[in-house]
N, C-alpha and C. Protein backbone atom coordinates (compact mmCIF):
# COMPACT_ATOMS: atom_id res chain seq x y z
N UNK A 1 94.10 101.33 108.24
CA UNK A 1 95.16 100.27 107.77
C UNK A 1 95.27 100.36 106.09
N UNK A 2 96.77 100.31 105.66
CA UNK A 2 97.10 100.17 104.28
C UNK A 2 97.29 98.91 103.91
N UNK A 3 96.28 98.46 102.95
CA UNK A 3 95.92 97.20 102.16
C UNK A 3 96.29 97.26 100.84
N UNK A 4 97.16 96.38 100.25
CA UNK A 4 97.16 95.94 98.97
C UNK A 4 96.41 94.96 98.54
N UNK A 5 95.81 95.14 97.35
CA UNK A 5 95.37 93.82 96.80
C UNK A 5 96.00 93.30 95.67
N UNK A 6 96.06 91.93 95.95
CA UNK A 6 96.96 91.25 94.67
C UNK A 6 95.82 91.10 93.16
N UNK A 7 96.83 90.72 92.07
CA UNK A 7 95.65 90.83 91.09
C UNK A 7 94.46 89.96 91.09
N UNK A 8 94.62 89.00 91.91
CA UNK A 8 93.68 88.25 91.91
C UNK A 8 92.40 87.93 92.99
N UNK A 9 92.24 89.23 93.61
CA UNK A 9 91.67 89.53 94.56
C UNK A 9 90.31 90.75 93.86
N UNK A 10 89.15 90.20 93.97
CA UNK A 10 88.21 91.17 93.26
C UNK A 10 88.17 92.64 93.69
N UNK A 11 88.36 93.21 93.09
CA UNK A 11 88.31 95.08 92.79
C UNK A 11 87.24 95.72 93.83
N UNK A 12 85.85 95.15 93.54
CA UNK A 12 84.74 95.54 94.20
C UNK A 12 84.96 95.34 95.87
N UNK A 13 85.79 94.43 95.92
CA UNK A 13 85.84 94.25 98.05
C UNK A 13 86.11 95.40 98.52
N UNK A 14 87.21 96.55 97.89
CA UNK A 14 87.62 97.40 98.53
C UNK A 14 86.50 98.45 98.85
N UNK A 15 85.18 98.61 97.79
CA UNK A 15 84.29 99.17 98.42
C UNK A 15 83.32 98.67 99.81
N UNK A 16 83.70 97.40 100.09
CA UNK A 16 82.99 97.01 101.42
C UNK A 16 83.86 96.90 102.59
N UNK A 17 84.95 97.60 102.62
CA UNK A 17 85.89 97.48 103.80
C UNK A 17 86.39 98.90 103.91
N UNK A 18 85.46 99.50 104.40
CA UNK A 18 85.82 101.32 104.82
C UNK A 18 86.23 101.32 105.79
N UNK A 19 87.17 102.52 105.87
CA UNK A 19 88.07 102.73 106.81
C UNK A 19 89.39 102.31 106.55
N UNK A 20 89.97 101.88 105.33
CA UNK A 20 91.13 101.62 105.27
C UNK A 20 91.38 101.76 103.67
N UNK A 21 92.61 102.08 103.62
CA UNK A 21 93.47 102.74 102.29
C UNK A 21 93.63 101.43 101.58
N UNK A 22 93.15 101.20 100.58
CA UNK A 22 93.45 100.10 99.37
C UNK A 22 93.88 100.29 98.18
N UNK A 23 94.50 99.82 97.70
CA UNK A 23 95.21 100.05 96.49
C UNK A 23 95.58 98.46 96.11
N UNK A 24 95.35 98.00 94.67
CA UNK A 24 95.26 97.08 93.75
C UNK A 24 96.64 97.06 92.96
N UNK A 25 97.18 95.99 93.14
CA UNK A 25 98.66 95.59 92.59
C UNK A 25 98.69 96.33 90.64
N UNK A 26 97.86 96.22 90.25
CA UNK A 26 97.57 96.51 88.84
C UNK A 26 97.83 98.20 88.79
N UNK A 27 96.83 99.06 89.80
CA UNK A 27 96.81 100.09 89.91
C UNK A 27 98.24 100.85 89.75
N UNK A 28 99.14 100.29 90.55
CA UNK A 28 100.41 100.29 90.96
C UNK A 28 101.50 100.05 90.08
N UNK A 29 100.90 99.78 88.78
CA UNK A 29 102.07 98.74 87.94
C UNK A 29 102.80 97.73 88.06
N UNK A 30 102.15 96.89 89.33
CA UNK A 30 102.68 95.82 89.87
C UNK A 30 102.11 94.39 89.75
N UNK A 31 101.46 94.58 88.62
CA UNK A 31 100.63 93.02 88.03
C UNK A 31 101.68 92.24 87.80
N UNK A 32 102.71 92.40 86.97
CA UNK A 32 103.48 91.62 86.44
C UNK A 32 104.84 90.91 88.09
N UNK A 33 104.57 91.58 88.98
CA UNK A 33 105.14 91.17 90.22
C UNK A 33 104.77 90.20 90.86
N UNK A 34 105.38 88.97 90.84
CA UNK A 34 105.33 87.61 91.39
C UNK A 34 105.26 87.74 92.92
N UNK A 35 104.85 86.99 93.56
CA UNK A 35 104.88 86.47 94.99
C UNK A 35 106.11 87.34 96.08
N UNK A 36 107.15 87.13 95.83
CA UNK A 36 108.42 87.52 96.65
C UNK A 36 108.49 88.77 96.25
N UNK A 37 108.54 89.51 95.15
CA UNK A 37 108.80 90.58 94.83
C UNK A 37 107.49 91.43 94.66
N UNK A 38 106.35 91.02 94.87
CA UNK A 38 105.22 92.03 95.30
C UNK A 38 105.22 92.00 96.76
N UNK A 39 105.65 91.09 97.34
CA UNK A 39 105.77 91.26 98.82
C UNK A 39 106.98 92.48 99.05
N UNK A 40 107.82 92.31 98.52
CA UNK A 40 109.02 93.24 98.85
C UNK A 40 108.60 94.42 98.30
N UNK A 41 107.70 95.05 97.34
CA UNK A 41 107.19 96.28 96.73
C UNK A 41 106.35 96.84 97.76
N UNK A 42 105.62 95.97 98.47
CA UNK A 42 104.65 96.07 99.49
C UNK A 42 105.24 96.49 100.77
N UNK A 43 106.34 95.79 101.33
CA UNK A 43 106.95 96.07 102.48
C UNK A 43 107.51 97.70 102.20
N UNK A 44 107.95 97.88 101.24
CA UNK A 44 108.85 98.80 100.65
C UNK A 44 107.87 100.41 100.88
N UNK A 45 106.95 100.07 100.56
CA UNK A 45 106.03 101.24 100.22
C UNK A 45 104.63 101.09 101.46
N UNK A 46 105.31 100.54 102.25
CA UNK A 46 104.34 100.65 103.65
C UNK A 46 103.25 100.27 104.01
N UNK A 47 102.60 98.92 103.30
CA UNK A 47 101.53 98.06 103.08
C UNK A 47 101.58 97.66 104.32
N UNK A 48 100.75 97.50 105.28
CA UNK A 48 100.86 96.45 106.32
C UNK A 48 99.78 95.43 106.40
N UNK A 49 99.13 95.20 104.88
CA UNK A 49 98.38 93.62 104.66
C UNK A 49 98.54 93.63 103.05
N UNK A 50 98.55 92.25 102.58
CA UNK A 50 98.69 91.80 101.27
C UNK A 50 97.41 90.86 100.96
N UNK A 51 96.13 91.27 100.62
CA UNK A 51 95.08 90.29 100.07
C UNK A 51 95.24 89.88 99.18
N UNK A 52 95.59 88.45 99.10
CA UNK A 52 95.84 87.46 97.86
C UNK A 52 94.79 86.39 97.62
N UNK A 53 94.65 85.72 96.56
CA UNK A 53 94.15 84.39 96.46
C UNK A 53 94.71 83.55 96.32
N UNK A 54 96.33 83.76 96.47
CA UNK A 54 97.18 82.57 95.92
C UNK A 54 97.42 81.88 96.88
N UNK A 55 97.21 80.42 97.18
CA UNK A 55 97.23 79.73 98.36
C UNK A 55 98.51 79.00 98.31
N UNK A 56 99.38 79.14 97.38
CA UNK A 56 100.54 78.75 97.50
C UNK A 56 101.99 79.38 97.94
N UNK A 57 101.26 80.85 98.23
CA UNK A 57 101.97 81.85 98.75
C UNK A 57 102.94 81.24 99.90
N UNK A 58 102.46 80.49 100.76
CA UNK A 58 103.25 80.47 102.21
C UNK A 58 104.02 79.27 102.06
N UNK A 59 104.06 78.68 100.35
CA UNK A 59 105.14 77.45 100.48
C UNK A 59 106.22 78.12 99.64
N UNK A 60 106.02 79.37 98.79
CA UNK A 60 107.06 79.51 98.13
C UNK A 60 107.77 80.81 98.66
N UNK A 61 107.19 80.98 99.90
CA UNK A 61 108.38 82.23 100.51
C UNK A 61 108.28 82.15 101.72
N UNK A 62 109.28 82.84 101.96
CA UNK A 62 110.19 82.46 103.36
C UNK A 62 109.29 84.00 104.30
N UNK A 63 108.36 83.87 105.02
CA UNK A 63 107.30 84.77 105.34
C UNK A 63 107.79 84.86 107.25
N UNK A 64 108.74 84.50 107.37
CA UNK A 64 109.26 84.49 109.05
C UNK A 64 109.53 85.64 109.23
N UNK A 65 110.28 86.59 108.44
CA UNK A 65 110.95 87.73 108.60
C UNK A 65 110.13 89.34 107.95
N UNK A 66 108.94 88.55 107.60
CA UNK A 66 108.10 89.33 106.70
C UNK A 66 107.24 90.75 107.96
N UNK A 67 107.12 91.57 108.03
CA UNK A 67 106.33 92.66 108.84
C UNK A 67 104.83 92.59 108.45
N UNK A 68 104.77 92.26 107.14
CA UNK A 68 103.58 92.69 106.01
C UNK A 68 102.52 91.28 106.54
N UNK A 69 101.45 91.47 106.73
CA UNK A 69 100.35 90.46 107.24
C UNK A 69 99.92 90.09 105.57
N UNK A 70 99.44 88.80 105.75
CA UNK A 70 99.07 88.14 104.71
C UNK A 70 97.87 87.51 104.69
N UNK A 71 96.58 88.26 104.23
CA UNK A 71 95.48 87.46 104.30
C UNK A 71 95.23 86.60 102.92
N UNK A 72 94.89 85.55 103.15
CA UNK A 72 94.53 84.76 101.81
C UNK A 72 93.11 84.32 101.96
N UNK A 73 92.58 84.72 100.65
CA UNK A 73 91.20 84.04 100.41
C UNK A 73 91.28 82.58 99.68
N UNK A 74 90.37 81.71 100.11
CA UNK A 74 90.58 80.51 99.55
C UNK A 74 89.73 80.68 98.46
N UNK A 75 88.93 81.66 98.19
CA UNK A 75 87.78 81.56 96.89
C UNK A 75 87.78 83.18 96.24
N UNK A 76 88.12 83.20 95.24
CA UNK A 76 88.21 84.73 94.55
C UNK A 76 87.10 85.01 93.56
N UNK A 77 86.07 84.33 93.86
CA UNK A 77 84.93 84.60 93.06
C UNK A 77 84.12 85.55 93.48
N UNK A 78 83.84 86.62 92.80
CA UNK A 78 83.11 87.78 93.22
C UNK A 78 82.00 87.77 94.28
N UNK A 79 80.72 87.08 93.66
CA UNK A 79 79.45 86.44 94.69
C UNK A 79 79.72 86.14 95.68
N UNK A 80 80.89 85.03 95.77
CA UNK A 80 81.34 84.39 96.95
C UNK A 80 82.05 85.28 98.08
N UNK A 81 82.95 86.02 97.62
CA UNK A 81 83.60 86.99 98.49
C UNK A 81 82.67 88.11 99.15
N UNK A 82 81.65 88.74 98.15
CA UNK A 82 80.85 89.77 98.37
C UNK A 82 79.80 89.60 99.63
N UNK A 83 79.75 88.06 99.74
CA UNK A 83 78.74 87.26 100.91
C UNK A 83 79.84 87.61 101.73
N UNK A 84 80.80 87.36 102.33
CA UNK A 84 81.93 87.30 103.05
C UNK A 84 82.53 88.45 103.35
N UNK A 85 82.27 89.49 102.79
CA UNK A 85 83.04 90.97 102.80
C UNK A 85 83.00 91.38 104.68
N UNK A 86 81.99 91.21 105.29
CA UNK A 86 82.19 91.69 106.69
C UNK A 86 83.21 90.64 107.49
N UNK A 87 82.58 89.61 107.02
CA UNK A 87 84.18 88.47 108.06
C UNK A 87 85.27 88.80 107.75
N UNK A 88 85.65 89.19 106.51
CA UNK A 88 86.88 89.79 105.73
C UNK A 88 87.25 90.99 106.26
N UNK A 89 86.40 91.65 106.40
CA UNK A 89 86.70 93.11 107.18
C UNK A 89 87.18 93.21 108.86
N UNK A 90 86.50 91.69 109.42
CA UNK A 90 87.01 91.56 110.75
C UNK A 90 88.27 90.74 110.87
N UNK A 91 88.49 90.00 109.81
CA UNK A 91 89.56 89.22 110.00
C UNK A 91 90.74 90.32 109.97
N UNK A 92 90.58 91.24 108.90
CA UNK A 92 91.80 92.34 108.93
C UNK A 92 91.68 93.33 110.27
N UNK A 93 90.77 93.35 110.82
CA UNK A 93 90.96 93.95 112.01
C UNK A 93 91.47 93.22 113.06
N UNK A 94 91.95 91.94 112.87
CA UNK A 94 92.26 91.13 113.93
C UNK A 94 93.95 90.50 113.69
N UNK A 95 94.12 90.97 112.22
CA UNK A 95 95.54 90.68 111.79
C UNK A 95 96.64 91.11 112.20
N UNK A 96 97.54 90.46 113.08
CA UNK A 96 99.01 91.22 113.67
C UNK A 96 99.87 91.30 112.34
N UNK A 97 100.97 92.16 112.71
CA UNK A 97 101.72 92.48 111.42
C UNK A 97 102.73 91.07 111.81
N UNK A 98 103.22 90.64 110.20
CA UNK A 98 103.92 89.24 109.81
C UNK A 98 103.01 88.32 110.00
N UNK A 99 101.67 88.58 110.31
CA UNK A 99 100.78 87.17 110.46
C UNK A 99 100.48 86.73 109.34
N UNK A 100 99.92 85.24 109.09
CA UNK A 100 99.52 84.52 107.84
C UNK A 100 98.27 83.78 107.91
N UNK A 101 97.33 84.42 107.59
CA UNK A 101 96.19 83.36 107.75
C UNK A 101 95.20 83.40 106.69
N UNK A 102 94.62 82.25 106.55
CA UNK A 102 93.46 81.85 105.54
C UNK A 102 92.29 82.22 105.58
N UNK A 103 91.67 82.40 104.84
CA UNK A 103 90.28 82.64 105.21
C UNK A 103 89.38 81.89 103.99
N UNK A 104 88.15 80.96 104.82
CA UNK A 104 87.52 80.18 103.98
C UNK A 104 86.45 80.83 103.31
N UNK A 105 86.32 81.04 102.13
CA UNK A 105 85.60 81.77 101.40
C UNK A 105 84.05 80.80 100.95
């Protein structure tokens, strides 16, 4: 699965999600892109999932026509995220195109 981490997702999480191609928005030069523009760029570059900690994204964007799935981590502190890495991986495995899901960390 091709995954894009928003700038607010701890980068070390990528080491715990084997079997996926993971890029970070800042590595692509997209750290200045906000919600809608980031989603557009991710979709245009064939990412299947955006992982973010931006809990307001569902209220700021019309997500109904998007094919990219969005996984929102409700906490982005690395020690907490690290403890839930397996659960995050399971959530990714079960995401459907265009799905929006929040994951309590």
